[in-house]
Amino acid sequence: MKGKDKCALLKSIRVRLAEINNIPYTPHPCNNTEDCSGTCELCDAESKWLLYTLKELESQGYPIIYSLHESDVIVSEANINIYSTDSNCDTRR
Protein backbone atom coordinates (compact mmCIF):
# COMPACT_ATOMS: atom_id res chain seq x y z
CA MET A 1 0.00 0.00 0.00
CA LYS A 2 1.36 3.39 -0.97
CA GLY A 3 1.73 6.06 1.68
CA LYS A 4 -0.96 8.33 0.24
CA ASP A 5 -3.39 5.39 0.14
CA LYS A 6 -2.55 4.49 3.74
CA CYS A 7 -3.04 8.13 4.76
CA ALA A 8 -6.46 8.24 3.09
CA LEU A 9 -7.51 4.94 4.67
CA LEU A 10 -6.45 5.97 8.18
CA LYS A 11 -8.13 9.35 7.77
CA SER A 12 -11.37 7.69 6.63
CA ILE A 13 -11.25 5.37 9.65
CA ARG A 14 -10.82 8.33 12.01
CA VAL A 15 -13.67 10.21 10.30
CA ARG A 16 -16.03 7.22 10.46
CA LEU A 17 -15.11 6.40 14.07
CA ALA A 18 -15.85 9.99 15.07
CA GLU A 19 -19.12 10.00 13.10
CA ILE A 20 -20.53 6.82 14.65
CA ASN A 21 -19.67 8.13 18.12
CA ASN A 22 -21.10 11.62 17.47
CA ILE A 23 -17.75 13.34 17.89
CA PRO A 24 -17.27 16.53 15.85
CA TYR A 25 -14.09 16.00 13.83
CA THR A 26 -12.69 17.52 10.66
CA PRO A 27 -9.32 16.09 9.64
CA HIS A 28 -6.57 18.38 8.43
CA PRO A 29 -6.02 18.46 4.68
CA CYS A 30 -2.93 16.61 3.53
CA ASN A 31 -0.62 18.91 1.61
CA ASN A 32 1.96 16.23 0.90
CA THR A 33 2.71 15.85 -2.79
CA GLU A 34 5.32 13.10 -2.52
CA ASP A 35 5.03 9.51 -1.40
CA CYS A 36 5.33 9.13 2.35
CA SER A 37 4.85 6.53 5.07
CA GLY A 38 1.14 7.36 5.30
CA THR A 39 1.30 9.04 8.69
CA CYS A 40 2.65 12.35 9.95
CA GLU A 41 2.74 14.34 13.17
CA LEU A 42 -0.67 15.93 12.51
CA CYS A 43 -2.28 12.56 11.76
CA ASP A 44 -0.70 11.15 14.91
CA ALA A 45 -2.00 14.06 16.95
CA GLU A 46 -5.49 13.60 15.52
CA SER A 47 -5.37 9.88 16.36
CA LYS A 48 -4.27 10.63 19.93
CA TRP A 49 -6.99 13.27 20.30
CA LEU A 50 -9.68 10.92 19.00
CA LEU A 51 -8.58 8.09 21.28
CA TYR A 52 -8.47 10.47 24.26
CA THR A 53 -11.95 11.78 23.41
CA LEU A 54 -13.34 8.24 23.09
CA LYS A 55 -11.85 7.24 26.44
CA GLU A 56 -13.21 10.39 28.10
CA LEU A 57 -16.71 9.72 26.77
CA GLU A 58 -16.48 6.09 27.84
CA SER A 59 -15.38 7.09 31.34
CA GLN A 60 -18.47 9.34 31.52
CA GLY A 61 -20.69 6.35 30.80
CA TYR A 62 -21.32 6.88 27.10
CA PRO A 63 -21.32 3.72 25.00
CA ILE A 64 -18.47 3.76 22.50
CA ILE A 65 -18.65 1.99 19.16
CA TYR A 66 -15.27 0.73 17.96
CA SER A 67 -16.49 -1.52 15.15
CA LEU A 68 -16.71 -0.06 11.66
CA HIS A 69 -18.98 -2.60 10.01
CA GLU A 70 -19.11 -0.97 6.58
CA SER A 71 -15.40 -1.39 5.99
CA ASP A 72 -15.05 -4.54 8.10
CA VAL A 73 -12.31 -2.89 10.13
CA ILE A 74 -12.13 -3.22 13.87
CA VAL A 75 -10.50 -0.19 15.46
CA SER A 76 -8.89 -0.72 18.82
CA GLU A 77 -6.29 1.10 20.86
CA ALA A 78 -3.66 -1.15 19.30
CA ASN A 79 -4.30 -0.03 15.73
CA ILE A 80 -5.61 3.51 16.15
CA ASN A 81 -2.25 4.47 17.67
CA ILE A 82 -0.21 4.42 14.49
CA TYR A 83 2.58 6.89 15.13
CA SER A 84 5.53 7.80 12.97
CA THR A 85 7.35 10.87 11.85
CA ASP A 86 7.63 11.44 8.16
CA SER A 87 9.64 14.37 6.89
CA ASN A 88 7.73 14.32 3.58
CA CYS A 89 4.43 15.15 5.29
CA ASP A 90 3.54 18.76 5.84
CA THR A 91 2.79 19.11 9.55
CA ARG A 92 1.53 22.68 9.34
CA ARG A 93 -2.21 23.43 9.33
C-alpha atoms as a PDB file:
ATOM      1  CA  MET A   1       0.000   0.000   0.000  1.00  0.00           C
ATOM      2  CA  LYS A   2       1.361   3.393  -0.974  1.00  0.00           C
ATOM      3  CA  GLY A   3       1.734   6.064   1.678  1.00  0.00           C
ATOM      4  CA  LYS A   4      -0.965   8.333   0.238  1.00  0.00           C
ATOM      5  CA  ASP A   5      -3.391   5.386   0.138  1.00  0.00           C
ATOM      6  CA  LYS A   6      -2.548   4.491   3.742  1.00  0.00           C
ATOM      7  CA  CYS A   7      -3.042   8.132   4.761  1.00  0.00           C
ATOM      8  CA  ALA A   8      -6.461   8.236   3.085  1.00  0.00           C
ATOM      9  CA  LEU A   9      -7.511   4.937   4.671  1.00  0.00           C
ATOM     10  CA  LEU A  10      -6.450   5.966   8.180  1.00  0.00           C
ATOM     11  CA  LYS A  11      -8.126   9.349   7.770  1.00  0.00           C
ATOM     12  CA  SER A  12     -11.370   7.694   6.633  1.00  0.00           C
ATOM     13  CA  ILE A  13     -11.250   5.371   9.650  1.00  0.00           C
ATOM     14  CA  ARG A  14     -10.823   8.333  12.014  1.00  0.00           C
ATOM     15  CA  VAL A  15     -13.671  10.213  10.300  1.00  0.00           C
ATOM     16  CA  ARG A  16     -16.026   7.225  10.464  1.00  0.00           C
ATOM     17  CA  LEU A  17     -15.108   6.401  14.068  1.00  0.00           C
ATOM     18  CA  ALA A  18     -15.850   9.988  15.067  1.00  0.00           C
ATOM     19  CA  GLU A  19     -19.124   9.997  13.099  1.00  0.00           C
ATOM     20  CA  ILE A  20     -20.530   6.825  14.649  1.00  0.00           C
ATOM     21  CA  ASN A  21     -19.667   8.127  18.118  1.00  0.00           C
ATOM     22  CA  ASN A  22     -21.102  11.623  17.467  1.00  0.00           C
ATOM     23  CA  ILE A  23     -17.748  13.344  17.891  1.00  0.00           C
ATOM     24  CA  PRO A  24     -17.266  16.531  15.847  1.00  0.00           C
ATOM     25  CA  TYR A  25     -14.090  16.002  13.825  1.00  0.00           C
ATOM     26  CA  THR A  26     -12.686  17.522  10.663  1.00  0.00           C
ATOM     27  CA  PRO A  27      -9.316  16.088   9.637  1.00  0.00           C
ATOM     28  CA  HIS A  28      -6.569  18.376   8.435  1.00  0.00           C
ATOM     29  CA  PRO A  29      -6.025  18.463   4.681  1.00  0.00           C
ATOM     30  CA  CYS A  30      -2.928  16.609   3.534  1.00  0.00           C
ATOM     31  CA  ASN A  31      -0.623  18.907   1.608  1.00  0.00           C
ATOM     32  CA  ASN A  32       1.959  16.233   0.899  1.00  0.00           C
ATOM     33  CA  THR A  33       2.709  15.849  -2.791  1.00  0.00           C
ATOM     34  CA  GLU A  34       5.325  13.098  -2.520  1.00  0.00           C
ATOM     35  CA  ASP A  35       5.025   9.513  -1.399  1.00  0.00           C
ATOM     36  CA  CYS A  36       5.325   9.129   2.354  1.00  0.00           C
ATOM     37  CA  SER A  37       4.847   6.526   5.068  1.00  0.00           C
ATOM     38  CA  GLY A  38       1.144   7.363   5.298  1.00  0.00           C
ATOM     39  CA  THR A  39       1.301   9.040   8.690  1.00  0.00           C
ATOM     40  CA  CYS A  40       2.655  12.347   9.949  1.00  0.00           C
ATOM     41  CA  GLU A  41       2.740  14.339  13.166  1.00  0.00           C
ATOM     42  CA  LEU A  42      -0.670  15.926  12.512  1.00  0.00           C
ATOM     43  CA  CYS A  43      -2.285  12.565  11.760  1.00  0.00           C
ATOM     44  CA  ASP A  44      -0.702  11.146  14.906  1.00  0.00           C
ATOM     45  CA  ALA A  45      -1.999  14.064  16.953  1.00  0.00           C
ATOM     46  CA  GLU A  46      -5.490  13.604  15.522  1.00  0.00           C
ATOM     47  CA  SER A  47      -5.374   9.876  16.358  1.00  0.00           C
ATOM     48  CA  LYS A  48      -4.272  10.634  19.927  1.00  0.00           C
ATOM     49  CA  TRP A  49      -6.990  13.274  20.298  1.00  0.00           C
ATOM     50  CA  LEU A  50      -9.678  10.917  18.999  1.00  0.00           C
ATOM     51  CA  LEU A  51      -8.579   8.090  21.280  1.00  0.00           C
ATOM     52  CA  TYR A  52      -8.471  10.471  24.257  1.00  0.00           C
ATOM     53  CA  THR A  53     -11.951  11.780  23.413  1.00  0.00           C
ATOM     54  CA  LEU A  54     -13.337   8.238  23.086  1.00  0.00           C
ATOM     55  CA  LYS A  55     -11.848   7.241  26.440  1.00  0.00           C
ATOM     56  CA  GLU A  56     -13.209  10.388  28.096  1.00  0.00           C
ATOM     57  CA  LEU A  57     -16.706   9.724  26.773  1.00  0.00           C
ATOM     58  CA  GLU A  58     -16.484   6.088  27.836  1.00  0.00           C
ATOM     59  CA  SER A  59     -15.380   7.093  31.342  1.00  0.00           C
ATOM     60  CA  GLN A  60     -18.466   9.342  31.518  1.00  0.00           C
ATOM     61  CA  GLY A  61     -20.689   6.351  30.802  1.00  0.00           C
ATOM     62  CA  TYR A  62     -21.319   6.876  27.099  1.00  0.00           C
ATOM     63  CA  PRO A  63     -21.318   3.715  24.996  1.00  0.00           C
ATOM     64  CA  ILE A  64     -18.468   3.759  22.500  1.00  0.00           C
ATOM     65  CA  ILE A  65     -18.651   1.986  19.160  1.00  0.00           C
ATOM     66  CA  TYR A  66     -15.268   0.731  17.961  1.00  0.00           C
ATOM     67  CA  SER A  67     -16.487  -1.520  15.150  1.00  0.00           C
ATOM     68  CA  LEU A  68     -16.706  -0.061  11.660  1.00  0.00           C
ATOM     69  CA  HIS A  69     -18.979  -2.604  10.006  1.00  0.00           C
ATOM     70  CA  GLU A  70     -19.108  -0.969   6.576  1.00  0.00           C
ATOM     71  CA  SER A  71     -15.399  -1.392   5.990  1.00  0.00           C
ATOM     72  CA  ASP A  72     -15.054  -4.542   8.104  1.00  0.00           C
ATOM     73  CA  VAL A  73     -12.305  -2.894  10.130  1.00  0.00           C
ATOM     74  CA  ILE A  74     -12.128  -3.218  13.874  1.00  0.00           C
ATOM     75  CA  VAL A  75     -10.499  -0.192  15.463  1.00  0.00           C
ATOM     76  CA  SER A  76      -8.887  -0.719  18.816  1.00  0.00           C
ATOM     77  CA  GLU A  77      -6.289   1.098  20.859  1.00  0.00           C
ATOM     78  CA  ALA A  78      -3.662  -1.147  19.295  1.00  0.00           C
ATOM     79  CA  ASN A  79      -4.296  -0.031  15.732  1.00  0.00           C
ATOM     80  CA  ILE A  80      -5.612   3.506  16.151  1.00  0.00           C
ATOM     81  CA  ASN A  81      -2.254   4.471  17.667  1.00  0.00           C
ATOM     82  CA  ILE A  82      -0.209   4.417  14.489  1.00  0.00           C
ATOM     83  CA  TYR A  83       2.579   6.888  15.131  1.00  0.00           C
ATOM     84  CA  SER A  84       5.525   7.805  12.974  1.00  0.00           C
ATOM     85  CA  THR A  85       7.345  10.870  11.855  1.00  0.00           C
ATOM     86  CA  ASP A  86       7.633  11.438   8.160  1.00  0.00           C
ATOM     87  CA  SER A  87       9.644  14.368   6.886  1.00  0.00           C
ATOM     88  CA  ASN A  88       7.731  14.324   3.583  1.00  0.00           C
ATOM     89  CA  CYS A  89       4.432  15.147   5.290  1.00  0.00           C
ATOM     90  CA  ASP A  90       3.538  18.759   5.841  1.00  0.00           C
ATOM     91  CA  THR A  91       2.790  19.106   9.554  1.00  0.00           C
ATOM     92  CA  ARG A  92       1.531  22.682   9.337  1.00  0.00           C
ATOM     93  CA  ARG A  93      -2.206  23.431   9.332  1.00  0.00           C
END
